C-alpha atoms as a PDB file:
ATOM      1  CA  UNK A   1      -0.019   0.001   0.019  1.00  0.00           C
ATOM      2  CA  UNK A   2       1.356   3.426  -0.990  1.00  0.00           C
ATOM      3  CA  UNK A   3       1.389   6.383   1.272  1.00  0.00           C
ATOM      4  CA  UNK A   4       1.289  10.115   0.455  1.00  0.00           C
ATOM      5  CA  UNK A   5       3.568  12.586   2.189  1.00  0.00           C
ATOM      6  CA  UNK A   6       3.408  16.373   1.692  1.00  0.00           C
ATOM      7  CA  UNK A   7       6.913  17.811   0.859  1.00  0.00           C
ATOM      8  CA  UNK A   8       8.435  18.605   4.281  1.00  0.00           C
ATOM      9  CA  UNK A   9       9.010  22.308   4.694  1.00  0.00           C
ATOM     10  CA  UNK A  10      12.623  21.755   5.734  1.00  0.00           C
ATOM     11  CA  UNK A  11      13.368  19.810   2.569  1.00  0.00           C
ATOM     12  CA  UNK A  12      11.836  22.149   0.032  1.00  0.00           C
ATOM     13  CA  UNK A  13      14.595  23.228  -2.454  1.00  0.00           C
ATOM     14  CA  UNK A  14      16.660  20.055  -1.731  1.00  0.00           C
ATOM     15  CA  UNK A  15      17.623  17.532  -4.476  1.00  0.00           C
ATOM     16  CA  UNK A  16      14.922  14.810  -4.527  1.00  0.00           C
ATOM     17  CA  UNK A  17      17.315  12.052  -3.690  1.00  0.00           C
ATOM     18  CA  UNK A  18      18.606  14.044  -0.680  1.00  0.00           C
ATOM     19  CA  UNK A  19      15.075  14.705   0.468  1.00  0.00           C
ATOM     20  CA  UNK A  20      13.995  11.127   0.085  1.00  0.00           C
ATOM     21  CA  UNK A  21      17.075   9.939   2.003  1.00  0.00           C
ATOM     22  CA  UNK A  22      16.119  12.137   4.987  1.00  0.00           C
ATOM     23  CA  UNK A  23      12.424  11.319   4.768  1.00  0.00           C
ATOM     24  CA  UNK A  24      13.016   7.591   4.851  1.00  0.00           C
ATOM     25  CA  UNK A  25      16.212   7.401   6.913  1.00  0.00           C
ATOM     26  CA  UNK A  26      18.216   5.734   4.128  1.00  0.00           C
ATOM     27  CA  UNK A  27      21.481   6.458   2.384  1.00  0.00           C
ATOM     28  CA  UNK A  28      21.451   8.743  -0.617  1.00  0.00           C
ATOM     29  CA  UNK A  29      22.349   5.974  -3.013  1.00  0.00           C
ATOM     30  CA  UNK A  30      19.496   3.842  -1.659  1.00  0.00           C
ATOM     31  CA  UNK A  31      17.118   6.814  -2.057  1.00  0.00           C
ATOM     32  CA  UNK A  32      18.253   7.178  -5.700  1.00  0.00           C
ATOM     33  CA  UNK A  33      17.655   3.453  -6.298  1.00  0.00           C
ATOM     34  CA  UNK A  34      14.090   3.818  -4.941  1.00  0.00           C
ATOM     35  CA  UNK A  35      13.486   6.853  -7.219  1.00  0.00           C
ATOM     36  CA  UNK A  36      14.879   5.162 -10.263  1.00  0.00           C
ATOM     37  CA  UNK A  37      12.722   2.076  -9.657  1.00  0.00           C
ATOM     38  CA  UNK A  38       9.602   4.158  -9.300  1.00  0.00           C
ATOM     39  CA  UNK A  39       8.989   3.286  -5.619  1.00  0.00           C
ATOM     40  CA  UNK A  40       9.202   6.931  -4.614  1.00  0.00           C
ATOM     41  CA  UNK A  41       7.737   9.636  -6.867  1.00  0.00           C
ATOM     42  CA  UNK A  42       6.220  13.110  -6.958  1.00  0.00           C
ATOM     43  CA  UNK A  43       2.493  13.194  -7.755  1.00  0.00           C
ATOM     44  CA  UNK A  44       1.721  14.930 -11.045  1.00  0.00           C
ATOM     45  CA  UNK A  45       5.319  15.475 -12.190  1.00  0.00           C
ATOM     46  CA  UNK A  46       8.114  13.345 -13.584  1.00  0.00           C
ATOM     47  CA  UNK A  47      10.980  13.867 -11.187  1.00  0.00           C
ATOM     48  CA  UNK A  48      14.559  12.647 -11.588  1.00  0.00           C
ATOM     49  CA  UNK A  49      16.747  12.102  -8.563  1.00  0.00           C
ATOM     50  CA  UNK A  50      18.651  15.294  -9.290  1.00  0.00           C
ATOM     51  CA  UNK A  51      15.407  17.498  -9.513  1.00  0.00           C
ATOM     52  CA  UNK A  52      14.555  19.921  -6.832  1.00  0.00           C
ATOM     53  CA  UNK A  53      11.694  19.190  -4.484  1.00  0.00           C
ATOM     54  CA  UNK A  54       9.140  22.130  -4.639  1.00  0.00           C
ATOM     55  CA  UNK A  55       6.732  23.651  -2.183  1.00  0.00           C
ATOM     56  CA  UNK A  56       3.274  22.193  -2.285  1.00  0.00           C
ATOM     57  CA  UNK A  57       4.265  18.942  -3.892  1.00  0.00           C
ATOM     58  CA  UNK A  58       3.229  15.508  -2.594  1.00  0.00           C
ATOM     59  CA  UNK A  59       5.549  12.529  -2.435  1.00  0.00           C
ATOM     60  CA  UNK A  60       4.107   9.087  -3.036  1.00  0.00           C
ATOM     61  CA  UNK A  61       5.973   6.265  -1.392  1.00  0.00           C
ATOM     62  CA  UNK A  62       5.254   2.699  -2.344  1.00  0.00           C
ATOM     63  CA  UNK A  63       8.077   0.416  -1.206  1.00  0.00           C
ATOM     64  CA  UNK A  64       7.953  -3.156  -2.430  1.00  0.00           C
ATOM     65  CA  UNK A  65      10.576  -4.223  -0.045  1.00  0.00           C
ATOM     66  CA  UNK A  66       9.000  -2.903   3.094  1.00  0.00           C
ATOM     67  CA  UNK A  67       8.926  -5.400   5.991  1.00  0.00           C
ATOM     68  CA  UNK A  68       6.540  -8.227   5.305  1.00  0.00           C
ATOM     69  CA  UNK A  69       7.188 -10.162   8.507  1.00  0.00           C
ATOM     70  CA  UNK A  70       6.864  -8.969  12.116  1.00  0.00           C
ATOM     71  CA  UNK A  71       9.950  -7.158  13.480  1.00  0.00           C
ATOM     72  CA  UNK A  72      11.944  -9.390  15.793  1.00  0.00           C
ATOM     73  CA  UNK A  73      12.017  -8.076  19.397  1.00  0.00           C
ATOM     74  CA  UNK A  74      15.129  -6.926  21.233  1.00  0.00           C
ATOM     75  CA  UNK A  75      14.513  -9.037  24.256  1.00  0.00           C
ATOM     76  CA  UNK A  76      17.861  -8.185  25.892  1.00  0.00           C
ATOM     77  CA  UNK A  77      17.234  -4.344  25.647  1.00  0.00           C
ATOM     78  CA  UNK A  78      16.831  -3.028  29.232  1.00  0.00           C
ATOM     79  CA  UNK A  79      14.629  -0.096  30.207  1.00  0.00           C
ATOM     80  CA  UNK A  80      16.661   1.943  32.684  1.00  0.00           C
ATOM     81  CA  UNK A  81      14.380   4.854  33.145  1.00  0.00           C
ATOM     82  CA  UNK A  82      10.655   5.427  32.381  1.00  0.00           C
ATOM     83  CA  UNK A  83       7.821   7.785  33.308  1.00  0.00           C
ATOM     84  CA  UNK A  84       4.783   9.217  31.441  1.00  0.00           C
ATOM     85  CA  UNK A  85       6.951  11.442  29.181  1.00  0.00           C
ATOM     86  CA  UNK A  86      10.198   9.621  28.315  1.00  0.00           C
ATOM     87  CA  UNK A  87      11.749   6.297  28.347  1.00  0.00           C
ATOM     88  CA  UNK A  88      15.563   5.600  28.333  1.00  0.00           C
ATOM     89  CA  UNK A  89      16.775   2.160  27.171  1.00  0.00           C
ATOM     90  CA  UNK A  90      20.238   0.562  27.309  1.00  0.00           C
ATOM     91  CA  UNK A  91      20.494  -0.378  23.611  1.00  0.00           C
ATOM     92  CA  UNK A  92      22.429  -3.545  22.773  1.00  0.00           C
ATOM     93  CA  UNK A  93      24.427  -3.730  19.495  1.00  0.00           C
ATOM     94  CA  UNK A  94      22.476  -5.128  16.511  1.00  0.00           C
ATOM     95  CA  UNK A  95      19.435  -2.972  17.334  1.00  0.00           C
ATOM     96  CA  UNK A  96      18.603   0.013  15.151  1.00  0.00           C
ATOM     97  CA  UNK A  97      17.026   3.138  16.546  1.00  0.00           C
ATOM     98  CA  UNK A  98      14.046   2.970  14.357  1.00  0.00           C
ATOM     99  CA  UNK A  99      12.663   1.149  11.242  1.00  0.00           C
ATOM    100  CA  UNK A 100      14.201   1.971   7.907  1.00  0.00           C
ATOM    101  CA  UNK A 101      14.208   0.517   4.372  1.00  0.00           C
ATOM    102  CA  UNK A 102      16.255  -2.624   4.101  1.00  0.00           C
ATOM    103  CA  UNK A 103      16.655  -3.154   7.876  1.00  0.00           C
ATOM    104  CA  UNK A 104      15.140  -6.442   9.053  1.00  0.00           C
ATOM    105  CA  UNK A 105      16.456  -6.587  12.561  1.00  0.00           C
ATOM    106  CA  UNK A 106      14.971  -5.331  15.790  1.00  0.00           C
ATOM    107  CA  UNK A 107      14.575  -1.600  16.534  1.00  0.00           C
ATOM    108  CA  UNK A 108      14.280   0.407  19.713  1.00  0.00           C
ATOM    109  CA  UNK A 109      10.952   1.949  18.773  1.00  0.00           C
ATOM    110  CA  UNK A 110       9.420  -1.386  17.548  1.00  0.00           C
ATOM    111  CA  UNK A 111      10.580  -3.352  20.564  1.00  0.00           C
ATOM    112  CA  UNK A 112       9.153  -0.716  22.919  1.00  0.00           C
ATOM    113  CA  UNK A 113       5.878  -0.872  21.124  1.00  0.00           C
ATOM    114  CA  UNK A 114       5.779  -4.688  21.242  1.00  0.00           C
ATOM    115  CA  UNK A 115       6.157  -4.346  25.054  1.00  0.00           C
ATOM    116  CA  UNK A 116       3.189  -2.067  25.206  1.00  0.00           C
ATOM    117  CA  UNK A 117       5.014   1.213  25.778  1.00  0.00           C
ATOM    118  CA  UNK A 118       3.156   4.132  24.304  1.00  0.00           C
ATOM    119  CA  UNK A 119       5.264   6.228  21.992  1.00  0.00           C
ATOM    120  CA  UNK A 120       4.133   9.721  20.856  1.00  0.00           C
ATOM    121  CA  UNK A 121       2.995  10.149  17.283  1.00  0.00           C
ATOM    122  CA  UNK A 122       5.176  13.269  17.013  1.00  0.00           C
ATOM    123  CA  UNK A 123       8.125  12.932  14.728  1.00  0.00           C
ATOM    124  CA  UNK A 124       8.956  11.899  11.115  1.00  0.00           C
ATOM    125  CA  UNK A 125       7.311   8.768   9.701  1.00  0.00           C
ATOM    126  CA  UNK A 126       8.944   5.690  11.210  1.00  0.00           C
ATOM    127  CA  UNK A 127      10.880   7.827  13.710  1.00  0.00           C
ATOM    128  CA  UNK A 128       8.041   8.873  15.986  1.00  0.00           C
ATOM    129  CA  UNK A 129       9.340   9.783  19.486  1.00  0.00           C
ATOM    130  CA  UNK A 130      13.042   9.656  18.436  1.00  0.00           C
ATOM    131  CA  UNK A 131      15.036  12.802  19.282  1.00  0.00           C
ATOM    132  CA  UNK A 132      18.564  11.303  19.003  1.00  0.00           C
ATOM    133  CA  UNK A 133      19.935   8.052  17.763  1.00  0.00           C
ATOM    134  CA  UNK A 134      22.699   5.504  18.250  1.00  0.00           C
ATOM    135  CA  UNK A 135      24.323   3.488  15.444  1.00  0.00           C
ATOM    136  CA  UNK A 136      23.354  -0.169  15.154  1.00  0.00           C
ATOM    137  CA  UNK A 137      26.903  -1.090  16.176  1.00  0.00           C
ATOM    138  CA  UNK A 138      27.034   1.301  19.199  1.00  0.00           C
ATOM    139  CA  UNK A 139      25.550   0.234  22.507  1.00  0.00           C
ATOM    140  CA  UNK A 140      24.296   2.378  25.377  1.00  0.00           C
ATOM    141  CA  UNK A 141      21.669   4.779  26.542  1.00  0.00           C
ATOM    142  CA  UNK A 142      19.049   6.215  24.072  1.00  0.00           C
ATOM    143  CA  UNK A 143      16.041   8.367  24.985  1.00  0.00           C
ATOM    144  CA  UNK A 144      12.621   7.959  23.291  1.00  0.00           C
ATOM    145  CA  UNK A 145       9.644  10.261  23.982  1.00  0.00           C
ATOM    146  CA  UNK A 146       6.258   8.901  25.097  1.00  0.00           C
ATOM    147  CA  UNK A 147       4.349  12.160  25.236  1.00  0.00           C
ATOM    148  CA  UNK A 148       3.870  15.076  22.897  1.00  0.00           C
ATOM    149  CA  UNK A 149       5.239  17.465  25.555  1.00  0.00           C
ATOM    150  CA  UNK A 150       8.219  15.172  26.062  1.00  0.00           C
ATOM    151  CA  UNK A 151       8.946  15.194  22.330  1.00  0.00           C
ATOM    152  CA  UNK A 152       8.716  18.976  21.929  1.00  0.00           C
ATOM    153  CA  UNK A 153      10.800  19.643  25.019  1.00  0.00           C
ATOM    154  CA  UNK A 154      13.485  17.031  24.505  1.00  0.00           C
ATOM    155  CA  UNK A 155      13.801  17.839  20.784  1.00  0.00           C
ATOM    156  CA  UNK A 156      14.526  21.389  21.774  1.00  0.00           C
ATOM    157  CA  UNK A 157      17.064  20.380  24.450  1.00  0.00           C
ATOM    158  CA  UNK A 158      18.935  18.168  22.032  1.00  0.00           C
ATOM    159  CA  UNK A 159      18.894  20.834  19.266  1.00  0.00           C
ATOM    160  CA  UNK A 160      20.175  23.455  21.686  1.00  0.00           C
ATOM    161  CA  UNK A 161      22.906  21.100  23.018  1.00  0.00           C
ATOM    162  CA  UNK A 162      21.477  21.224  26.583  1.00  0.00           C
ATOM    163  CA  UNK A 163      21.556  17.457  27.033  1.00  0.00           C
ATOM    164  CA  UNK A 164      24.877  16.157  28.373  1.00  0.00           C
ATOM    165  CA  UNK A 165      25.811  12.937  26.412  1.00  0.00           C
ATOM    166  CA  UNK A 166      28.846  11.031  27.816  1.00  0.00           C
ATOM    167  CA  UNK A 167      30.456   8.192  25.955  1.00  0.00           C
ATOM    168  CA  UNK A 168      33.432   5.987  26.710  1.00  0.00           C
ATOM    169  CA  UNK A 169      35.716   4.913  23.823  1.00  0.00           C
ATOM    170  CA  UNK A 170      38.808   2.946  23.443  1.00  0.00           C
ATOM    171  CA  UNK A 171      40.879   4.592  20.735  1.00  0.00           C
ATOM    172  CA  UNK A 172      44.076   3.250  19.105  1.00  0.00           C
ATOM    173  CA  UNK A 173      47.448   4.785  19.942  1.00  0.00           C
ATOM    174  CA  UNK A 174      48.609   6.979  22.755  1.00  0.00           C
ATOM    175  CA  UNK A 175      46.905  10.312  22.804  1.00  0.00           C
ATOM    176  CA  UNK A 176      49.416  13.119  23.499  1.00  0.00           C
ATOM    177  CA  UNK A 177      47.160  15.435  25.548  1.00  0.00           C
ATOM    178  CA  UNK A 178      45.128  14.451  28.659  1.00  0.00           C
ATOM    179  CA  UNK A 179      42.152  16.383  27.329  1.00  0.00           C
ATOM    180  CA  UNK A 180      41.291  18.228  24.136  1.00  0.00           C
ATOM    181  CA  UNK A 181      38.504  19.277  21.867  1.00  0.00           C
ATOM    182  CA  UNK A 182      38.076  18.343  18.153  1.00  0.00           C
ATOM    183  CA  UNK A 183      36.238  21.066  16.266  1.00  0.00           C
ATOM    184  CA  UNK A 184      35.944  19.822  12.682  1.00  0.00           C
ATOM    185  CA  UNK A 185      32.989  19.811  10.298  1.00  0.00           C
ATOM    186  CA  UNK A 186      31.593  16.482   9.193  1.00  0.00           C
ATOM    187  CA  UNK A 187      29.877  15.596   5.937  1.00  0.00           C
ATOM    188  CA  UNK A 188      29.142  12.549   3.828  1.00  0.00           C
ATOM    189  CA  UNK A 189      32.118  10.944   2.203  1.00  0.00           C
ATOM    190  CA  UNK A 190      32.183  11.067  -1.626  1.00  0.00           C
ATOM    191  CA  UNK A 191      33.670   7.524  -1.847  1.00  0.00           C
ATOM    192  CA  UNK A 192      30.544   5.908  -0.106  1.00  0.00           C
ATOM    193  CA  UNK A 193      27.228   7.210   0.965  1.00  0.00           C
ATOM    194  CA  UNK A 194      27.390   5.225   4.247  1.00  0.00           C
ATOM    195  CA  UNK A 195      30.623   6.784   5.427  1.00  0.00           C
ATOM    196  CA  UNK A 196      31.335  10.264   6.755  1.00  0.00           C
ATOM    197  CA  UNK A 197      34.514  12.382   6.970  1.00  0.00           C
ATOM    198  CA  UNK A 198      35.922  15.619   8.057  1.00  0.00           C
ATOM    199  CA  UNK A 199      35.288  18.110   5.255  1.00  0.00           C
ATOM    200  CA  UNK A 200      35.125  21.937   4.988  1.00  0.00           C
ATOM    201  CA  UNK A 201      31.695  21.612   3.362  1.00  0.00           C
ATOM    202  CA  UNK A 202      30.330  19.559   6.257  1.00  0.00           C
ATOM    203  CA  UNK A 203      28.194  20.492   9.258  1.00  0.00           C
ATOM    204  CA  UNK A 204      29.793  21.941  12.430  1.00  0.00           C
ATOM    205  CA  UNK A 205      30.834  19.173  14.861  1.00  0.00           C
ATOM    206  CA  UNK A 206      32.503  19.492  18.218  1.00  0.00           C
ATOM    207  CA  UNK A 207      33.814  16.607  20.357  1.00  0.00           C
ATOM    208  CA  UNK A 208      35.413  17.049  23.836  1.00  0.00           C
ATOM    209  CA  UNK A 209      37.464  14.186  25.332  1.00  0.00           C
ATOM    210  CA  UNK A 210      39.378  13.391  28.547  1.00  0.00           C
ATOM    211  CA  UNK A 211      41.812  10.521  29.036  1.00  0.00           C
ATOM    212  CA  UNK A 212      40.604   7.961  31.552  1.00  0.00           C
ATOM    213  CA  UNK A 213      43.263   5.290  31.213  1.00  0.00           C
ATOM    214  CA  UNK A 214      46.433   4.864  29.173  1.00  0.00           C
ATOM    215  CA  UNK A 215      47.813   1.710  27.649  1.00  0.00           C
ATOM    216  CA  UNK A 216      51.158   2.931  26.465  1.00  0.00           C
ATOM    217  CA  UNK A 217      51.367   3.523  22.710  1.00  0.00           C
ATOM    218  CA  UNK A 218      48.801   0.906  21.940  1.00  0.00           C
ATOM    219  CA  UNK A 219      45.542   2.416  23.070  1.00  0.00           C
ATOM    220  CA  UNK A 220      43.742   5.056  25.265  1.00  0.00           C
ATOM    221  CA  UNK A 221      40.421   4.865  27.108  1.00  0.00           C
ATOM    222  CA  UNK A 222      38.646   8.265  26.870  1.00  0.00           C
ATOM    223  CA  UNK A 223      35.520   9.892  28.174  1.00  0.00           C
ATOM    224  CA  UNK A 224      33.760  11.787  25.362  1.00  0.00           C
ATOM    225  CA  UNK A 225      31.162  14.586  25.496  1.00  0.00           C
ATOM    226  CA  UNK A 226      29.480  15.637  22.365  1.00  0.00           C
ATOM    227  CA  UNK A 227      28.553  19.294  21.855  1.00  0.00           C
ATOM    228  CA  UNK A 228      26.868  18.362  18.493  1.00  0.00           C
ATOM    229  CA  UNK A 229      25.379  15.062  17.347  1.00  0.00           C
ATOM    230  CA  UNK A 230      26.567  14.303  13.839  1.00  0.00           C
ATOM    231  CA  UNK A 231      26.261  10.801  12.329  1.00  0.00           C
ATOM    232  CA  UNK A 232      29.379   8.761  13.340  1.00  0.00           C
ATOM    233  CA  UNK A 233      30.775  11.930  14.973  1.00  0.00           C
ATOM    234  CA  UNK A 234      33.087  10.240  17.537  1.00  0.00           C
ATOM    235  CA  UNK A 235      34.251   7.650  15.048  1.00  0.00           C
ATOM    236  CA  UNK A 236      35.050  10.166  12.345  1.00  0.00           C
ATOM    237  CA  UNK A 237      36.658  12.748  14.606  1.00  0.00           C
ATOM    238  CA  UNK A 238      39.068  10.318  16.308  1.00  0.00           C
ATOM    239  CA  UNK A 239      39.934   8.670  12.944  1.00  0.00           C
ATOM    240  CA  UNK A 240      40.664  12.170  11.557  1.00  0.00           C
ATOM    241  CA  UNK A 241      43.422  12.719  14.180  1.00  0.00           C
ATOM    242  CA  UNK A 242      44.969   9.354  13.540  1.00  0.00           C
ATOM    243  CA  UNK A 243      43.374   7.493  16.539  1.00  0.00           C
ATOM    244  CA  UNK A 244      40.462   5.368  15.194  1.00  0.00           C
ATOM    245  CA  UNK A 245      38.290   3.559  17.682  1.00  0.00           C
ATOM    246  CA  UNK A 246      39.500  -0.027  18.385  1.00  0.00           C
ATOM    247  CA  UNK A 247      37.497  -2.471  16.290  1.00  0.00           C
ATOM    248  CA  UNK A 248      36.134   0.284  13.900  1.00  0.00           C
ATOM    249  CA  UNK A 249      37.313  -1.193  10.559  1.00  0.00           C
ATOM    250  CA  UNK A 250      35.175   1.342   8.631  1.00  0.00           C
ATOM    251  CA  UNK A 251      37.278   4.220   9.846  1.00  0.00           C
ATOM    252  CA  UNK A 252      40.750   2.608   9.836  1.00  0.00           C
ATOM    253  CA  UNK A 253      41.109   0.410  12.916  1.00  0.00           C
ATOM    254  CA  UNK A 254      43.794  -2.241  13.025  1.00  0.00           C
ATOM    255  CA  UNK A 255      42.005  -5.579  12.325  1.00  0.00           C
ATOM    256  CA  UNK A 256      44.761  -7.518  14.061  1.00  0.00           C
ATOM    257  CA  UNK A 257      44.313  -5.620  17.328  1.00  0.00           C
ATOM    258  CA  UNK A 258      40.537  -5.980  17.068  1.00  0.00           C
ATOM    259  CA  UNK A 259      40.850  -9.769  16.692  1.00  0.00           C
ATOM    260  CA  UNK A 260      43.238  -9.953  19.614  1.00  0.00           C
ATOM    261  CA  UNK A 261      40.751  -8.037  21.772  1.00  0.00           C
ATOM    262  CA  UNK A 262      37.836 -10.144  20.530  1.00  0.00           C
ATOM    263  CA  UNK A 263      36.040  -7.053  19.101  1.00  0.00           C
ATOM    264  CA  UNK A 264      33.542  -7.349  16.325  1.00  0.00           C
ATOM    265  CA  UNK A 265      32.506  -3.696  16.390  1.00  0.00           C
ATOM    266  CA  UNK A 266      33.814  -0.373  17.501  1.00  0.00           C
ATOM    267  CA  UNK A 267      34.645   0.066  21.220  1.00  0.00           C
ATOM    268  CA  UNK A 268      32.123   2.753  21.979  1.00  0.00           C
ATOM    269  CA  UNK A 269      29.365   2.951  24.591  1.00  0.00           C
ATOM    270  CA  UNK A 270      26.880   5.690  25.568  1.00  0.00           C
ATOM    271  CA  UNK A 271      27.501   5.727  29.308  1.00  0.00           C
ATOM    272  CA  UNK A 272      25.625   8.664  30.758  1.00  0.00           C
ATOM    273  CA  UNK A 273      22.694  10.859  29.804  1.00  0.00           C
ATOM    274  CA  UNK A 274      21.845  14.104  31.663  1.00  0.00           C
ATOM    275  CA  UNK A 275      18.843  16.169  30.847  1.00  0.00           C
ATOM    276  CA  UNK A 276      16.200  18.495  32.351  1.00  0.00           C
ATOM    277  CA  UNK A 277      12.929  16.532  32.644  1.00  0.00           C
ATOM    278  CA  UNK A 278      10.512  17.936  30.086  1.00  0.00           C
ATOM    279  CA  UNK A 279       7.602  18.188  32.663  1.00  0.00           C
ATOM    280  CA  UNK A 280       9.122  18.665  36.075  1.00  0.00           C
ATOM    281  CA  UNK A 281      12.320  20.510  34.898  1.00  0.00           C
ATOM    282  CA  UNK A 282      14.338  18.432  37.414  1.00  0.00           C
ATOM    283  CA  UNK A 283      17.802  17.703  36.290  1.00  0.00           C
ATOM    284  CA  UNK A 284      17.891  13.978  35.558  1.00  0.00           C
ATOM    285  CA  UNK A 285      20.845  11.599  35.187  1.00  0.00           C
ATOM    286  CA  UNK A 286      20.772   8.069  33.827  1.00  0.00           C
ATOM    287  CA  UNK A 287      23.827   5.836  33.730  1.00  0.00           C
ATOM    288  CA  UNK A 288      24.843   2.604  32.088  1.00  0.00           C
ATOM    289  CA  UNK A 289      27.681  -0.034  32.421  1.00  0.00           C
ATOM    290  CA  UNK A 290      29.824  -1.718  29.758  1.00  0.00           C
ATOM    291  CA  UNK A 291      28.353  -4.757  27.951  1.00  0.00           C
ATOM    292  CA  UNK A 292      30.249  -8.027  28.058  1.00  0.00           C
ATOM    293  CA  UNK A 293      32.129  -7.599  24.742  1.00  0.00           C
ATOM    294  CA  UNK A 294      33.591  -4.305  25.653  1.00  0.00           C
ATOM    295  CA  UNK A 295      34.427  -5.424  29.215  1.00  0.00           C
ATOM    296  CA  UNK A 296      36.283  -8.401  27.843  1.00  0.00           C
ATOM    297  CA  UNK A 297      38.221  -6.259  25.335  1.00  0.00           C
ATOM    298  CA  UNK A 298      39.199  -3.734  27.991  1.00  0.00           C
ATOM    299  CA  UNK A 299      40.276  -6.473  30.428  1.00  0.00           C
ATOM    300  CA  UNK A 300      42.396  -8.060  27.712  1.00  0.00           C
ATOM    301  CA  UNK A 301      43.989  -4.661  26.989  1.00  0.00           C
ATOM    302  CA  UNK A 302      44.765  -4.218  30.715  1.00  0.00           C
ATOM    303  CA  UNK A 303      46.365  -7.651  30.933  1.00  0.00           C
ATOM    304  CA  UNK A 304      48.518  -6.986  27.821  1.00  0.00           C
ATOM    305  CA  UNK A 305      49.686  -3.692  29.297  1.00  0.00           C
ATOM    306  CA  UNK A 306      50.363  -5.110  32.736  1.00  0.00           C
ATOM    307  CA  UNK A 307      52.396  -7.986  31.297  1.00  0.00           C
ATOM    308  CA  UNK A 308      54.764  -5.618  29.540  1.00  0.00           C
END
């Protein structure tokens, strides 16, 4: 069954493939493929992927590959905070933030709904209640909004960088400073739509980090606070200064070290979330702990360093 979506105000004037990518939460190349195959089109006008989306137009979406079977639940996803307005989950790896074209695994939003958790209808199609996301391969805390008030207030807090998001990351090599800030714009890499890079044409991105533990010249455990929330921001920023996250093959990690640490994904975890409650305005803090794969990798690294 097709659905009709009025051209979103914020995407008017964008290339059609760029607009579709943002509307559906897919890569630009995937959006172009959907346009070329006729699964996404503009009512009343032949529109190529390079055409500009105009005000007042309606986009028809008819995806033949949308999920035909029920979404599998993320049974191991813990709820660590919940009230009438927001719910914070401890997302495992292998769980996407929300449904998207081509993804057949569990999602945070879908799993919450399967548990009977009410999610607000506010938000883009398929992303209702979502005000910030974590990559499929990144574990840790993620907030979803249950009420309309929660969505409006938390979206504003995230947009205005009032929410304190703290991550822990194990990066390769010995960082020279004990603390520093990476201020470098991030945009989509030309070599592949699913990768990002530091580029002058990108969006502003600021990452603050503090060293927590050093492992000689082999690796450094850092605490990271994001002032902005760009896709793959921590991974891209540390790779750009020559210290990719351990296990992050997409951004230049050493596969030998990853294998020795037993890592099958980047060593990155969303540890702490601090925000002002949307209804009570009370400053609220939620914390997490390392999952087993990251704990094992860190203990292995400590043993290697102690033995030297």
